[in-house]
N, C-alpha and C. Protein backbone atom coordinates (compact mmCIF):
# COMPACT_ATOMS: atom_id res chain seq x y z
N MET A 1 62.20 100.16 177.43
CA MET A 1 62.45 100.40 176.02
C MET A 1 61.59 101.57 175.55
N LEU A 2 62.16 102.43 174.75
CA LEU A 2 61.48 103.62 174.26
C LEU A 2 60.81 103.32 172.93
N ASP A 3 59.49 103.58 172.86
CA ASP A 3 58.74 103.41 171.61
C ASP A 3 58.89 104.71 170.82
N CYS A 4 59.74 104.70 169.80
CA CYS A 4 60.05 105.90 169.03
C CYS A 4 58.84 106.45 168.28
N LYS A 5 57.93 105.57 167.86
CA LYS A 5 56.76 106.04 167.13
C LYS A 5 55.77 106.74 168.07
N ALA A 6 55.66 106.24 169.29
CA ALA A 6 54.73 106.83 170.25
C ALA A 6 55.31 108.11 170.89
N HIS A 7 56.61 108.20 170.97
CA HIS A 7 57.26 109.33 171.63
C HIS A 7 58.43 109.85 170.80
N PRO A 8 58.14 110.44 169.62
CA PRO A 8 59.26 110.90 168.78
C PRO A 8 60.09 112.00 169.42
N ASP A 9 59.48 112.84 170.26
CA ASP A 9 60.23 113.89 170.93
C ASP A 9 61.24 113.31 171.91
N LYS A 10 60.84 112.27 172.63
CA LYS A 10 61.76 111.63 173.57
C LYS A 10 62.86 110.89 172.82
N ALA A 11 62.49 110.28 171.69
CA ALA A 11 63.48 109.57 170.89
C ALA A 11 64.53 110.55 170.38
N LEU A 12 64.10 111.73 169.95
CA LEU A 12 65.04 112.75 169.48
C LEU A 12 65.95 113.20 170.62
N ALA A 13 65.39 113.40 171.80
CA ALA A 13 66.19 113.82 172.96
C ALA A 13 67.26 112.78 173.28
N VAL A 14 66.88 111.52 173.26
CA VAL A 14 67.84 110.45 173.54
C VAL A 14 68.90 110.41 172.45
N SER A 15 68.47 110.54 171.19
CA SER A 15 69.41 110.52 170.07
C SER A 15 70.43 111.64 170.19
N LEU A 16 69.96 112.85 170.50
CA LEU A 16 70.88 113.98 170.63
C LEU A 16 71.78 113.83 171.85
N ALA A 17 71.27 113.25 172.91
CA ALA A 17 72.09 113.02 174.10
C ALA A 17 73.22 112.03 173.80
N CYS A 18 72.95 111.11 172.90
CA CYS A 18 73.96 110.10 172.54
C CYS A 18 74.88 110.57 171.42
N ASN A 19 74.56 111.68 170.77
CA ASN A 19 75.35 112.20 169.65
C ASN A 19 75.68 113.67 169.88
N PRO A 20 76.65 113.94 170.75
CA PRO A 20 76.95 115.34 171.09
C PRO A 20 77.39 116.18 169.89
N LYS A 21 78.00 115.57 168.88
CA LYS A 21 78.41 116.35 167.70
C LYS A 21 77.18 116.85 166.94
N GLU A 22 76.16 116.01 166.83
CA GLU A 22 74.93 116.42 166.16
C GLU A 22 74.23 117.53 166.96
N LEU A 23 74.20 117.38 168.27
CA LEU A 23 73.61 118.41 169.13
C LEU A 23 74.37 119.72 168.99
N GLN A 24 75.68 119.66 168.96
CA GLN A 24 76.49 120.87 168.80
C GLN A 24 76.23 121.53 167.45
N ALA A 25 76.06 120.74 166.40
CA ALA A 25 75.77 121.29 165.08
C ALA A 25 74.43 122.03 165.08
N ILE A 26 73.45 121.47 165.76
CA ILE A 26 72.14 122.13 165.86
C ILE A 26 72.26 123.43 166.64
N ARG A 27 73.00 123.39 167.73
CA ARG A 27 73.20 124.61 168.52
C ARG A 27 73.90 125.71 167.72
N GLN A 28 74.90 125.32 166.93
CA GLN A 28 75.61 126.29 166.11
C GLN A 28 74.70 126.88 165.04
N LYS A 29 73.86 126.06 164.44
CA LYS A 29 72.93 126.55 163.42
C LYS A 29 71.95 127.55 164.03
N ILE A 30 71.44 127.23 165.21
CA ILE A 30 70.51 128.15 165.89
C ILE A 30 71.22 129.46 166.21
N GLU A 31 72.42 129.38 166.73
CA GLU A 31 73.16 130.60 167.08
C GLU A 31 73.44 131.44 165.84
N LYS A 32 73.77 130.80 164.74
CA LYS A 32 74.05 131.51 163.49
C LYS A 32 72.80 132.24 162.99
N ASN A 33 71.66 131.60 163.10
CA ASN A 33 70.41 132.16 162.56
C ASN A 33 69.67 133.06 163.55
N ARG A 34 70.12 133.10 164.77
CA ARG A 34 69.40 133.79 165.83
C ARG A 34 69.11 135.25 165.54
N LEU A 35 70.04 135.93 164.94
CA LEU A 35 69.88 137.37 164.72
C LEU A 35 69.39 137.71 163.31
N THR A 36 69.18 136.70 162.47
CA THR A 36 68.83 136.99 161.08
C THR A 36 67.49 136.40 160.65
N THR A 37 66.81 135.66 161.50
CA THR A 37 65.55 135.04 161.11
C THR A 37 64.39 135.63 161.89
N PRO A 38 63.21 135.72 161.28
CA PRO A 38 62.04 136.31 161.93
C PRO A 38 61.64 135.60 163.22
N LEU A 39 61.91 134.32 163.32
CA LEU A 39 61.52 133.56 164.51
C LEU A 39 62.07 134.19 165.79
N PHE A 40 63.28 134.75 165.71
CA PHE A 40 63.92 135.29 166.90
C PHE A 40 63.74 136.80 167.06
N ASP A 41 62.93 137.41 166.20
CA ASP A 41 62.67 138.84 166.30
C ASP A 41 61.42 139.05 167.15
N GLY A 42 61.62 139.09 168.45
CA GLY A 42 60.50 139.18 169.39
C GLY A 42 59.68 140.45 169.24
N GLU A 43 60.32 141.56 168.98
CA GLU A 43 59.60 142.83 168.85
C GLU A 43 58.67 142.80 167.64
N GLN A 44 59.19 142.36 166.50
CA GLN A 44 58.38 142.29 165.29
C GLN A 44 57.25 141.27 165.47
N GLY A 45 57.57 140.14 166.08
CA GLY A 45 56.55 139.12 166.32
C GLY A 45 55.43 139.64 167.21
N THR A 46 55.80 140.40 168.23
CA THR A 46 54.81 140.98 169.13
C THR A 46 53.91 141.97 168.38
N GLN A 47 54.51 142.80 167.56
CA GLN A 47 53.73 143.78 166.79
C GLN A 47 52.75 143.07 165.85
N GLU A 48 53.22 142.00 165.20
CA GLU A 48 52.34 141.27 164.28
C GLU A 48 51.22 140.57 165.04
N LEU A 49 51.51 140.02 166.20
CA LEU A 49 50.49 139.36 167.01
C LEU A 49 49.45 140.37 167.48
N GLU A 50 49.90 141.53 167.94
CA GLU A 50 48.97 142.57 168.38
C GLU A 50 48.08 143.03 167.22
N ALA A 51 48.67 143.19 166.04
CA ALA A 51 47.89 143.60 164.88
C ALA A 51 46.84 142.53 164.54
N SER A 52 47.21 141.29 164.67
CA SER A 52 46.26 140.20 164.41
C SER A 52 45.10 140.24 165.41
N PHE A 53 45.41 140.46 166.68
CA PHE A 53 44.36 140.55 167.70
C PHE A 53 43.43 141.73 167.41
N GLU A 54 44.00 142.86 167.03
CA GLU A 54 43.18 144.02 166.71
C GLU A 54 42.26 143.74 165.53
N GLN A 55 42.78 143.07 164.51
CA GLN A 55 41.97 142.74 163.34
C GLN A 55 40.85 141.76 163.72
N MET A 56 41.16 140.77 164.56
CA MET A 56 40.14 139.82 165.00
C MET A 56 39.03 140.54 165.78
N TRP A 57 39.43 141.49 166.63
CA TRP A 57 38.46 142.23 167.41
C TRP A 57 37.55 143.07 166.50
N LYS A 58 38.14 143.74 165.52
CA LYS A 58 37.36 144.54 164.57
C LYS A 58 36.38 143.66 163.79
N THR A 59 36.85 142.50 163.36
CA THR A 59 35.98 141.57 162.62
C THR A 59 34.83 141.12 163.50
N TYR A 60 35.12 140.80 164.75
CA TYR A 60 34.08 140.38 165.70
C TYR A 60 33.03 141.48 165.86
N LEU A 61 33.49 142.71 166.06
CA LEU A 61 32.56 143.82 166.26
C LEU A 61 31.71 144.07 165.01
N GLU A 62 32.31 143.96 163.84
CA GLU A 62 31.57 144.16 162.60
C GLU A 62 30.48 143.09 162.43
N LYS A 63 30.81 141.85 162.71
CA LYS A 63 29.82 140.76 162.59
C LYS A 63 28.73 140.90 163.64
N ARG A 64 29.14 141.31 164.82
CA ARG A 64 28.18 141.47 165.91
C ARG A 64 27.18 142.58 165.59
N ALA A 65 27.65 143.64 164.96
CA ALA A 65 26.79 144.77 164.63
C ALA A 65 25.72 144.39 163.59
N THR A 66 25.99 143.41 162.77
CA THR A 66 25.03 143.03 161.72
C THR A 66 24.04 141.96 162.17
N GLN A 67 24.28 141.37 163.33
CA GLN A 67 23.38 140.31 163.81
C GLN A 67 22.24 140.92 164.63
N PRO A 68 21.04 140.33 164.51
CA PRO A 68 19.92 140.85 165.32
C PRO A 68 20.18 140.62 166.80
N LYS A 69 19.70 141.55 167.58
CA LYS A 69 19.86 141.43 169.04
C LYS A 69 18.86 140.43 169.59
N VAL A 70 19.34 139.55 170.44
CA VAL A 70 18.47 138.54 171.06
C VAL A 70 18.41 138.83 172.55
N TYR A 71 17.20 138.92 173.07
CA TYR A 71 17.05 139.24 174.49
C TYR A 71 16.53 138.06 175.24
């Protein structure tokens, strides 16, 4: 027996496996939104992630420069 509270992801998988129309509706929604939502824009997402890493690095260096050196 599947404990739905302990394993909601597995419960969803079983539910969708037993309801092919619901699964098809989800697939159609994803396909419809695939080219129009930021989630699927890999190039833009990569650029934003790289910019975030660069900003984190700059912040780290700025904080490091203000701290006394410990030997």
